[in-house]
Every structure is written in structure tokens, then in C-alpha cells.
Amino acid sequence: FKEGYNCAQSVVMAFADYYGLDEAFAAHISGSFGGGIGR
């Protein structure tokens, strides 16, 4: 989050390794949900 990722990305990326997700994929798939869904 401090690096600039939104809230949803920060959560999903923090668990990406646990679920076997690529970090970039995790950031993209969750990117629309920040700011209370699309701000």
C-alpha cells in the first residue's frame, strides 16, 4: 500500500505466493477494486 498499490491489490498481493499466483497477475486482477471499487 505504501508503494502505491490500492487496498485490494495490497491484500491479494500479500497472499499471492500462498495461492500460487504471480504477483503481477494478482495486482492486475485486483486492480479495479481499490477505492471502494473503481474509486
PDB file of all heavy atoms in Angstrom:
ATOM      1  N   PHE A   1       0.835  -1.194   0.000  1.00  0.00           N
ATOM      2  CA  PHE A   1       0.000   0.000   0.000  1.00  0.00           C
ATOM      3  C   PHE A   1       0.882   1.262   0.000  1.00  0.00           C
ATOM      4  O   PHE A   1       0.627   2.208  -0.752  1.00  0.00           O
ATOM      5  CB  PHE A   1      -0.947  -0.006   1.197  1.00  0.00           C
ATOM      6  CG  PHE A   1      -1.933   1.123   1.179  1.00  0.00           C
ATOM      7  CD1 PHE A   1      -3.032   1.082   0.340  1.00  0.00           C
ATOM      8  CD2 PHE A   1      -1.754   2.230   1.992  1.00  0.00           C
ATOM      9  CE1 PHE A   1      -3.947   2.131   0.317  1.00  0.00           C
ATOM     10  CE2 PHE A   1      -2.652   3.278   1.971  1.00  0.00           C
ATOM     11  CZ  PHE A   1      -3.749   3.226   1.134  1.00  0.00           C
ATOM     12  N   LYS A   2       1.918   1.257   0.801  1.00  0.00           N
ATOM     13  CA  LYS A   2       2.828   2.412   0.863  1.00  0.00           C
ATOM     14  C   LYS A   2       3.588   2.608  -0.440  1.00  0.00           C
ATOM     15  O   LYS A   2       4.027   3.718  -0.742  1.00  0.00           O
ATOM     16  CB  LYS A   2       3.801   2.259   2.034  1.00  0.00           C
ATOM     17  CG  LYS A   2       3.125   2.469   3.373  1.00  0.00           C
ATOM     18  CD  LYS A   2       4.101   2.323   4.524  1.00  0.00           C
ATOM     19  CE  LYS A   2       3.426   2.580   5.856  1.00  0.00           C
ATOM     20  NZ  LYS A   2       4.353   2.417   6.988  1.00  0.00           N
ATOM     21  N   GLU A   3       3.731   1.533  -1.215  1.00  0.00           N
ATOM     22  CA  GLU A   3       4.393   1.630  -2.530  1.00  0.00           C
ATOM     23  C   GLU A   3       3.459   2.214  -3.579  1.00  0.00           C
ATOM     24  O   GLU A   3       3.896   2.537  -4.679  1.00  0.00           O
ATOM     25  CB  GLU A   3       4.858   0.247  -2.994  1.00  0.00           C
ATOM     26  CG  GLU A   3       6.043  -0.298  -2.233  1.00  0.00           C
ATOM     27  CD  GLU A   3       6.392  -1.718  -2.677  1.00  0.00           C
ATOM     28  OE1 GLU A   3       6.129  -2.078  -3.850  1.00  0.00           O
ATOM     29  OE2 GLU A   3       6.936  -2.465  -1.849  1.00  0.00           O
ATOM     30  N   GLY A   4       2.157   2.319  -3.260  1.00  0.00           N
ATOM     31  CA  GLY A   4       1.212   2.904  -4.195  1.00  0.00           C
ATOM     32  C   GLY A   4       0.146   1.958  -4.711  1.00  0.00           C
ATOM     33  O   GLY A   4      -0.712   2.371  -5.497  1.00  0.00           O
ATOM     34  N   TYR A   5       0.185   0.705  -4.302  1.00  0.00           N
ATOM     35  CA  TYR A   5      -0.876  -0.222  -4.687  1.00  0.00           C
ATOM     36  C   TYR A   5      -2.144   0.125  -3.914  1.00  0.00           C
ATOM     37  O   TYR A   5      -2.079   0.652  -2.808  1.00  0.00           O
ATOM     38  CB  TYR A   5      -0.473  -1.670  -4.408  1.00  0.00           C
ATOM     39  CG  TYR A   5       0.666  -2.140  -5.290  1.00  0.00           C
ATOM     40  CD1 TYR A   5       1.972  -2.122  -4.827  1.00  0.00           C
ATOM     41  CD2 TYR A   5       0.416  -2.587  -6.584  1.00  0.00           C
ATOM     42  CE1 TYR A   5       3.018  -2.541  -5.637  1.00  0.00           C
ATOM     43  CE2 TYR A   5       1.460  -2.997  -7.400  1.00  0.00           C
ATOM     44  CZ  TYR A   5       2.759  -2.979  -6.923  1.00  0.00           C
ATOM     45  OH  TYR A   5       3.787  -3.388  -7.729  1.00  0.00           O
ATOM     46  N   ASN A   6      -3.301  -0.185  -4.499  1.00  0.00           N
ATOM     47  CA  ASN A   6      -4.537   0.106  -3.782  1.00  0.00           C
ATOM     48  C   ASN A   6      -4.792  -0.956  -2.706  1.00  0.00           C
ATOM     49  O   ASN A   6      -4.046  -1.934  -2.593  1.00  0.00           O
ATOM     50  CB  ASN A   6      -5.721   0.278  -4.756  1.00  0.00           C
ATOM     51  CG  ASN A   6      -6.169  -0.999  -5.425  1.00  0.00           C
ATOM     52  OD1 ASN A   6      -6.253  -2.067  -4.820  1.00  0.00           O
ATOM     53  ND2 ASN A   6      -6.497  -0.893  -6.712  1.00  0.00           N
ATOM     54  N   CYS A   7      -5.837  -0.765  -1.931  1.00  0.00           N
ATOM     55  CA  CYS A   7      -6.132  -1.665  -0.796  1.00  0.00           C
ATOM     56  C   CYS A   7      -6.351  -3.104  -1.245  1.00  0.00           C
ATOM     57  O   CYS A   7      -5.814  -4.044  -0.649  1.00  0.00           O
ATOM     58  CB  CYS A   7      -7.364  -1.169  -0.040  1.00  0.00           C
ATOM     59  SG  CYS A   7      -7.153   0.452   0.710  1.00  0.00           S
ATOM     60  N   ALA A   8      -7.154  -3.294  -2.283  1.00  0.00           N
ATOM     61  CA  ALA A   8      -7.438  -4.646  -2.769  1.00  0.00           C
ATOM     62  C   ALA A   8      -6.162  -5.311  -3.274  1.00  0.00           C
ATOM     63  O   ALA A   8      -5.888  -6.472  -2.956  1.00  0.00           O
ATOM     64  CB  ALA A   8      -8.492  -4.602  -3.869  1.00  0.00           C
ATOM     65  N   GLN A   9      -5.384  -4.585  -4.050  1.00  0.00           N
ATOM     66  CA  GLN A   9      -4.123  -5.129  -4.553  1.00  0.00           C
ATOM     67  C   GLN A   9      -3.202  -5.512  -3.400  1.00  0.00           C
ATOM     68  O   GLN A   9      -2.573  -6.577  -3.435  1.00  0.00           O
ATOM     69  CB  GLN A   9      -3.411  -4.101  -5.432  1.00  0.00           C
ATOM     70  CG  GLN A   9      -4.073  -3.871  -6.753  1.00  0.00           C
ATOM     71  CD  GLN A   9      -3.453  -2.713  -7.501  1.00  0.00           C
ATOM     72  OE1 GLN A   9      -3.210  -1.650  -6.927  1.00  0.00           O
ATOM     73  NE2 GLN A   9      -3.203  -2.913  -8.786  1.00  0.00           N
ATOM     74  N   SER A  10      -3.128  -4.668  -2.406  1.00  0.00           N
ATOM     75  CA  SER A  10      -2.243  -4.918  -1.273  1.00  0.00           C
ATOM     76  C   SER A  10      -2.601  -6.207  -0.557  1.00  0.00           C
ATOM     77  O   SER A  10      -1.717  -6.986  -0.178  1.00  0.00           O
ATOM     78  CB  SER A  10      -2.287  -3.738  -0.297  1.00  0.00           C
ATOM     79  OG  SER A  10      -1.845  -2.557  -0.947  1.00  0.00           O
ATOM     80  N   VAL A  11      -3.890  -6.470  -0.406  1.00  0.00           N
ATOM     81  CA  VAL A  11      -4.333  -7.701   0.252  1.00  0.00           C
ATOM     82  C   VAL A  11      -4.036  -8.908  -0.630  1.00  0.00           C
ATOM     83  O   VAL A  11      -3.435  -9.888  -0.191  1.00  0.00           O
ATOM     84  CB  VAL A  11      -5.842  -7.636   0.590  1.00  0.00           C
ATOM     85  CG1 VAL A  11      -6.361  -8.994   1.050  1.00  0.00           C
ATOM     86  CG2 VAL A  11      -6.110  -6.576   1.651  1.00  0.00           C
ATOM     87  N   VAL A  12      -4.464  -8.850  -1.877  1.00  0.00           N
ATOM     88  CA  VAL A  12      -4.299 -10.001  -2.767  1.00  0.00           C
ATOM     89  C   VAL A  12      -2.819 -10.288  -3.008  1.00  0.00           C
ATOM     90  O   VAL A  12      -2.383 -11.452  -2.984  1.00  0.00           O
ATOM     91  CB  VAL A  12      -5.077  -9.797  -4.088  1.00  0.00           C
ATOM     92  CG1 VAL A  12      -4.813 -10.938  -5.058  1.00  0.00           C
ATOM     93  CG2 VAL A  12      -6.576  -9.680  -3.806  1.00  0.00           C
ATOM     94  N   MET A  13      -2.027  -9.259  -3.204  1.00  0.00           N
ATOM     95  CA  MET A  13      -0.592  -9.463  -3.435  1.00  0.00           C
ATOM     96  C   MET A  13       0.110 -10.039  -2.199  1.00  0.00           C
ATOM     97  O   MET A  13       1.049 -10.820  -2.337  1.00  0.00           O
ATOM     98  CB  MET A  13       0.054  -8.154  -3.873  1.00  0.00           C
ATOM     99  CG  MET A  13      -0.374  -7.720  -5.254  1.00  0.00           C
ATOM    100  SD  MET A  13       0.206  -6.062  -5.668  1.00  0.00           S
ATOM    101  CE  MET A  13       1.974  -6.353  -5.770  1.00  0.00           C
ATOM    102  N   ALA A  14      -0.342  -9.669  -1.021  1.00  0.00           N
ATOM    103  CA  ALA A  14       0.269 -10.182   0.201  1.00  0.00           C
ATOM    104  C   ALA A  14       0.075 -11.693   0.346  1.00  0.00           C
ATOM    105  O   ALA A  14       0.835 -12.358   1.050  1.00  0.00           O
ATOM    106  CB  ALA A  14      -0.285  -9.456   1.428  1.00  0.00           C
ATOM    107  N   PHE A  15      -0.929 -12.228  -0.333  1.00  0.00           N
ATOM    108  CA  PHE A  15      -1.214 -13.663  -0.277  1.00  0.00           C
ATOM    109  C   PHE A  15      -0.941 -14.371  -1.601  1.00  0.00           C
ATOM    110  O   PHE A  15      -1.221 -15.566  -1.728  1.00  0.00           O
ATOM    111  CB  PHE A  15      -2.674 -13.893   0.127  1.00  0.00           C
ATOM    112  CG  PHE A  15      -2.927 -13.638   1.580  1.00  0.00           C
ATOM    113  CD1 PHE A  15      -3.227 -12.361   2.032  1.00  0.00           C
ATOM    114  CD2 PHE A  15      -2.848 -14.671   2.501  1.00  0.00           C
ATOM    115  CE1 PHE A  15      -3.458 -12.118   3.381  1.00  0.00           C
ATOM    116  CE2 PHE A  15      -3.073 -14.434   3.851  1.00  0.00           C
ATOM    117  CZ  PHE A  15      -3.380 -13.156   4.285  1.00  0.00           C
ATOM    118  N   ALA A  16      -0.404 -13.659  -2.580  1.00  0.00           N
ATOM    119  CA  ALA A  16      -0.191 -14.243  -3.907  1.00  0.00           C
ATOM    120  C   ALA A  16       0.643 -15.520  -3.834  1.00  0.00           C
ATOM    121  O   ALA A  16       0.282 -16.536  -4.437  1.00  0.00           O
ATOM    122  CB  ALA A  16       0.466 -13.226  -4.835  1.00  0.00           C
ATOM    123  N   ASP A  17       1.724 -15.493  -3.093  1.00  0.00           N
ATOM    124  CA  ASP A  17       2.576 -16.680  -3.002  1.00  0.00           C
ATOM    125  C   ASP A  17       1.839 -17.848  -2.363  1.00  0.00           C
ATOM    126  O   ASP A  17       1.992 -18.995  -2.772  1.00  0.00           O
ATOM    127  CB  ASP A  17       3.857 -16.368  -2.226  1.00  0.00           C
ATOM    128  CG  ASP A  17       3.607 -16.002  -0.773  1.00  0.00           C
ATOM    129  OD1 ASP A  17       2.710 -15.181  -0.495  1.00  0.00           O
ATOM    130  OD2 ASP A  17       4.318 -16.535   0.105  1.00  0.00           O
ATOM    131  N   TYR A  18       1.001 -17.567  -1.386  1.00  0.00           N
ATOM    132  CA  TYR A  18       0.250 -18.609  -0.686  1.00  0.00           C
ATOM    133  C   TYR A  18      -0.680 -19.364  -1.642  1.00  0.00           C
ATOM    134  O   TYR A  18      -0.862 -20.571  -1.526  1.00  0.00           O
ATOM    135  CB  TYR A  18      -0.550 -17.978   0.457  1.00  0.00           C
ATOM    136  CG  TYR A  18      -1.347 -18.962   1.270  1.00  0.00           C
ATOM    137  CD1 TYR A  18      -0.747 -19.678   2.303  1.00  0.00           C
ATOM    138  CD2 TYR A  18      -2.697 -19.172   1.014  1.00  0.00           C
ATOM    139  CE1 TYR A  18      -1.477 -20.590   3.052  1.00  0.00           C
ATOM    140  CE2 TYR A  18      -3.426 -20.074   1.763  1.00  0.00           C
ATOM    141  CZ  TYR A  18      -2.813 -20.786   2.781  1.00  0.00           C
ATOM    142  OH  TYR A  18      -3.532 -21.689   3.506  1.00  0.00           O
ATOM    143  N   TYR A  19      -1.261 -18.633  -2.578  1.00  0.00           N
ATOM    144  CA  TYR A  19      -2.197 -19.230  -3.526  1.00  0.00           C
ATOM    145  C   TYR A  19      -1.541 -19.581  -4.868  1.00  0.00           C
ATOM    146  O   TYR A  19      -2.233 -19.982  -5.808  1.00  0.00           O
ATOM    147  CB  TYR A  19      -3.391 -18.304  -3.749  1.00  0.00           C
ATOM    148  CG  TYR A  19      -4.272 -18.224  -2.530  1.00  0.00           C
ATOM    149  CD1 TYR A  19      -4.212 -17.128  -1.681  1.00  0.00           C
ATOM    150  CD2 TYR A  19      -5.139 -19.258  -2.213  1.00  0.00           C
ATOM    151  CE1 TYR A  19      -5.008 -17.069  -0.544  1.00  0.00           C
ATOM    152  CE2 TYR A  19      -5.933 -19.208  -1.079  1.00  0.00           C
ATOM    153  CZ  TYR A  19      -5.855 -18.122  -0.251  1.00  0.00           C
ATOM    154  OH  TYR A  19      -6.641 -18.059   0.880  1.00  0.00           O
ATOM    155  N   GLY A  20      -0.241 -19.409  -4.961  1.00  0.00           N
ATOM    156  CA  GLY A  20       0.462 -19.749  -6.187  1.00  0.00           C
ATOM    157  C   GLY A  20       0.174 -18.804  -7.335  1.00  0.00           C
ATOM    158  O   GLY A  20       0.248 -19.178  -8.504  1.00  0.00           O
ATOM    159  N   LEU A  21      -0.134 -17.553  -6.993  1.00  0.00           N
ATOM    160  CA  LEU A  21      -0.418 -16.549  -8.015  1.00  0.00           C
ATOM    161  C   LEU A  21       0.837 -15.752  -8.323  1.00  0.00           C
ATOM    162  O   LEU A  21       1.616 -15.414  -7.426  1.00  0.00           O
ATOM    163  CB  LEU A  21      -1.501 -15.580  -7.532  1.00  0.00           C
ATOM    164  CG  LEU A  21      -2.858 -16.165  -7.160  1.00  0.00           C
ATOM    165  CD1 LEU A  21      -3.744 -15.078  -6.575  1.00  0.00           C
ATOM    166  CD2 LEU A  21      -3.508 -16.809  -8.357  1.00  0.00           C
ATOM    167  N   ASP A  22       1.002 -15.413  -9.570  1.00  0.00           N
ATOM    168  CA  ASP A  22       2.045 -14.489  -9.973  1.00  0.00           C
ATOM    169  C   ASP A  22       1.705 -13.118  -9.393  1.00  0.00           C
ATOM    170  O   ASP A  22       0.543 -12.683  -9.456  1.00  0.00           O
ATOM    171  CB  ASP A  22       2.103 -14.443 -11.505  1.00  0.00           C
ATOM    172  CG  ASP A  22       3.068 -13.410 -12.016  1.00  0.00           C
ATOM    173  OD1 ASP A  22       4.282 -13.658 -11.948  1.00  0.00           O
ATOM    174  OD2 ASP A  22       2.587 -12.345 -12.465  1.00  0.00           O
ATOM    175  N   GLU A  23       2.688 -12.440  -8.834  1.00  0.00           N
ATOM    176  CA  GLU A  23       2.444 -11.151  -8.185  1.00  0.00           C
ATOM    177  C   GLU A  23       1.851 -10.121  -9.145  1.00  0.00           C
ATOM    178  O   GLU A  23       0.933  -9.379  -8.789  1.00  0.00           O
ATOM    179  CB  GLU A  23       3.747 -10.634  -7.576  1.00  0.00           C
ATOM    180  CG  GLU A  23       3.557  -9.519  -6.612  1.00  0.00           C
ATOM    181  CD  GLU A  23       4.853  -9.174  -5.904  1.00  0.00           C
ATOM    182  OE1 GLU A  23       5.155  -9.806  -4.878  1.00  0.00           O
ATOM    183  OE2 GLU A  23       5.555  -8.266  -6.397  1.00  0.00           O
ATOM    184  N   ALA A  24       2.356 -10.069 -10.375  1.00  0.00           N
ATOM    185  CA  ALA A  24       1.831  -9.112 -11.357  1.00  0.00           C
ATOM    186  C   ALA A  24       0.372  -9.449 -11.699  1.00  0.00           C
ATOM    187  O   ALA A  24      -0.465  -8.543 -11.825  1.00  0.00           O
ATOM    188  CB  ALA A  24       2.686  -9.114 -12.620  1.00  0.00           C
ATOM    189  N   PHE A  25       0.065 -10.739 -11.833  1.00  0.00           N
ATOM    190  CA  PHE A  25      -1.317 -11.154 -12.094  1.00  0.00           C
ATOM    191  C   PHE A  25      -2.208 -10.745 -10.932  1.00  0.00           C
ATOM    192  O   PHE A  25      -3.308 -10.218 -11.142  1.00  0.00           O
ATOM    193  CB  PHE A  25      -1.387 -12.673 -12.305  1.00  0.00           C
ATOM    194  CG  PHE A  25      -2.784 -13.179 -12.472  1.00  0.00           C
ATOM    195  CD1 PHE A  25      -3.454 -13.046 -13.678  1.00  0.00           C
ATOM    196  CD2 PHE A  25      -3.439 -13.786 -11.414  1.00  0.00           C
ATOM    197  CE1 PHE A  25      -4.749 -13.511 -13.833  1.00  0.00           C
ATOM    198  CE2 PHE A  25      -4.736 -14.244 -11.546  1.00  0.00           C
ATOM    199  CZ  PHE A  25      -5.399 -14.113 -12.760  1.00  0.00           C
ATOM    200  N   ALA A  26      -1.750 -10.962  -9.708  1.00  0.00           N
ATOM    201  CA  ALA A  26      -2.521 -10.590  -8.518  1.00  0.00           C
ATOM    202  C   ALA A  26      -2.815  -9.091  -8.520  1.00  0.00           C
ATOM    203  O   ALA A  26      -3.928  -8.672  -8.195  1.00  0.00           O
ATOM    204  CB  ALA A  26      -1.776 -10.996  -7.250  1.00  0.00           C
ATOM    205  N   ALA A  27      -1.816  -8.292  -8.890  1.00  0.00           N
ATOM    206  CA  ALA A  27      -2.010  -6.836  -8.944  1.00  0.00           C
ATOM    207  C   ALA A  27      -3.034  -6.453 -10.008  1.00  0.00           C
ATOM    208  O   ALA A  27      -3.899  -5.599  -9.771  1.00  0.00           O
ATOM    209  CB  ALA A  27      -0.683  -6.139  -9.220  1.00  0.00           C
ATOM    210  N   HIS A  28      -2.969  -7.099 -11.159  1.00  0.00           N
ATOM    211  CA  HIS A  28      -3.896  -6.768 -12.249  1.00  0.00           C
ATOM    212  C   HIS A  28      -5.321  -7.208 -11.949  1.00  0.00           C
ATOM    213  O   HIS A  28      -6.264  -6.453 -12.174  1.00  0.00           O
ATOM    214  CB  HIS A  28      -3.423  -7.384 -13.569  1.00  0.00           C
ATOM    215  CG  HIS A  28      -2.309  -6.629 -14.190  1.00  0.00           C
ATOM    216  ND1 HIS A  28      -2.515  -5.485 -14.931  1.00  0.00           N
ATOM    217  CD2 HIS A  28      -0.976  -6.833 -14.165  1.00  0.00           C
ATOM    218  CE1 HIS A  28      -1.352  -5.021 -15.340  1.00  0.00           C
ATOM    219  NE2 HIS A  28      -0.400  -5.814 -14.884  1.00  0.00           N
ATOM    220  N   ILE A  29      -5.486  -8.427 -11.445  1.00  0.00           N
ATOM    221  CA  ILE A  29      -6.828  -8.964 -11.227  1.00  0.00           C
ATOM    222  C   ILE A  29      -7.580  -8.209 -10.127  1.00  0.00           C
ATOM    223  O   ILE A  29      -8.795  -8.109 -10.136  1.00  0.00           O
ATOM    224  CB  ILE A  29      -6.783 -10.485 -10.949  1.00  0.00           C
ATOM    225  CG1 ILE A  29      -8.152 -11.134 -11.163  1.00  0.00           C
ATOM    226  CG2 ILE A  29      -6.260 -10.803  -9.563  1.00  0.00           C
ATOM    227  CD1 ILE A  29      -8.572 -11.245 -12.591  1.00  0.00           C
ATOM    228  N   SER A  30      -6.843  -7.637  -9.188  1.00  0.00           N
ATOM    229  CA  SER A  30      -7.466  -6.914  -8.076  1.00  0.00           C
ATOM    230  C   SER A  30      -7.448  -5.398  -8.264  1.00  0.00           C
ATOM    231  O   SER A  30      -8.025  -4.664  -7.465  1.00  0.00           O
ATOM    232  CB  SER A  30      -6.762  -7.282  -6.766  1.00  0.00           C
ATOM    233  OG  SER A  30      -5.377  -6.993  -6.843  1.00  0.00           O
ATOM    234  N   GLY A  31      -6.830  -4.936  -9.328  1.00  0.00           N
ATOM    235  CA  GLY A  31      -6.638  -3.503  -9.541  1.00  0.00           C
ATOM    236  C   GLY A  31      -7.899  -2.667  -9.608  1.00  0.00           C
ATOM    237  O   GLY A  31      -7.905  -1.500  -9.221  1.00  0.00           O
ATOM    238  N   SER A  32      -8.986  -3.229 -10.076  1.00  0.00           N
ATOM    239  CA  SER A  32     -10.235  -2.471 -10.237  1.00  0.00           C
ATOM    240  C   SER A  32     -10.999  -2.265  -8.940  1.00  0.00           C
ATOM    241  O   SER A  32     -11.961  -1.500  -8.900  1.00  0.00           O
ATOM    242  CB  SER A  32     -11.155  -3.192 -11.229  1.00  0.00           C
ATOM    243  OG  SER A  32     -10.528  -3.284 -12.487  1.00  0.00           O
ATOM    244  N   PHE A  33     -10.576  -2.947  -7.876  1.00  0.00           N
ATOM    245  CA  PHE A  33     -11.368  -2.950  -6.643  1.00  0.00           C
ATOM    246  C   PHE A  33     -10.923  -1.929  -5.604  1.00  0.00           C
ATOM    247  O   PHE A  33     -11.531  -1.821  -4.548  1.00  0.00           O
ATOM    248  CB  PHE A  33     -11.376  -4.363  -6.043  1.00  0.00           C
ATOM    249  CG  PHE A  33     -12.067  -5.347  -6.934  1.00  0.00           C
ATOM    250  CD1 PHE A  33     -11.360  -6.051  -7.889  1.00  0.00           C
ATOM    251  CD2 PHE A  33     -13.429  -5.530  -6.852  1.00  0.00           C
ATOM    252  CE1 PHE A  33     -11.986  -6.946  -8.725  1.00  0.00           C
ATOM    253  CE2 PHE A  33     -14.075  -6.426  -7.679  1.00  0.00           C
ATOM    254  CZ  PHE A  33     -13.350  -7.136  -8.632  1.00  0.00           C
ATOM    255  N   GLY A  34      -9.890  -1.172  -5.891  1.00  0.00           N
ATOM    256  CA  GLY A  34      -9.415  -0.170  -4.951  1.00  0.00           C
ATOM    257  C   GLY A  34     -10.338   1.035  -4.886  1.00  0.00           C
ATOM    258  O   GLY A  34     -11.146   1.277  -5.782  1.00  0.00           O
ATOM    259  N   GLY A  35     -10.212   1.769  -3.798  1.00  0.00           N
ATOM    260  CA  GLY A  35     -11.019   2.975  -3.624  1.00  0.00           C
ATOM    261  C   GLY A  35     -12.502   2.677  -3.523  1.00  0.00           C
ATOM    262  O   GLY A  35     -13.335   3.479  -3.927  1.00  0.00           O
ATOM    263  N   GLY A  36     -12.821   1.514  -2.982  1.00  0.00           N
ATOM    264  CA  GLY A  36     -14.229   1.140  -2.859  1.00  0.00           C
ATOM    265  C   GLY A  36     -14.820   0.762  -4.202  1.00  0.00           C
ATOM    266  O   GLY A  36     -15.937   1.150  -4.532  1.00  0.00           O
ATOM    267  N   ILE A  37     -14.064   0.034  -4.984  1.00  0.00           N
ATOM    268  CA  ILE A  37     -14.364  -0.423  -6.344  1.00  0.00           C
ATOM    269  C   ILE A  37     -14.316   0.771  -7.308  1.00  0.00           C
ATOM    270  O   ILE A  37     -15.230   1.581  -7.386  1.00  0.00           O
ATOM    271  CB  ILE A  37     -15.718  -1.176  -6.468  1.00  0.00           C
ATOM    272  CG1 ILE A  37     -15.797  -2.337  -5.470  1.00  0.00           C
ATOM    273  CG2 ILE A  37     -15.917  -1.675  -7.899  1.00  0.00           C
ATOM    274  CD1 ILE A  37     -17.137  -3.054  -5.444  1.00  0.00           C
ATOM    275  N   GLY A  38     -13.200   0.846  -8.003  1.00  0.00           N
ATOM    276  CA  GLY A  38     -13.037   1.890  -9.014  1.00  0.00           C
ATOM    277  C   GLY A  38     -13.138   3.303  -8.481  1.00  0.00           C
ATOM    278  O   GLY A  38     -13.595   4.194  -9.168  1.00  0.00           O
ATOM    279  N   ARG A  39     -12.710   3.496  -7.238  1.00  0.00           N
ATOM    280  CA  ARG A  39     -12.746   4.802  -6.567  1.00  0.00           C
ATOM    281  C   ARG A  39     -14.157   5.361  -6.441  1.00  0.00           C
ATOM    282  O   ARG A  39     -14.372   6.568  -6.368  1.00  0.00           O
ATOM    283  CB  ARG A  39     -11.820   5.798  -7.245  1.00  0.00           C
ATOM    284  CG  ARG A  39     -11.471   6.961  -6.316  1.00  0.00           C
ATOM    285  CD  ARG A  39     -10.514   7.945  -6.908  1.00  0.00           C
ATOM    286  NE  ARG A  39      -9.168   7.430  -6.767  1.00  0.00           N
ATOM    287  CZ  ARG A  39      -8.158   7.723  -7.566  1.00  0.00           C
ATOM    288  NH1 ARG A  39      -8.321   8.531  -8.581  1.00  0.00           N
ATOM    289  NH2 ARG A  39      -6.960   7.218  -7.361  1.00  0.00           N
TER     290      ARG A  39
END
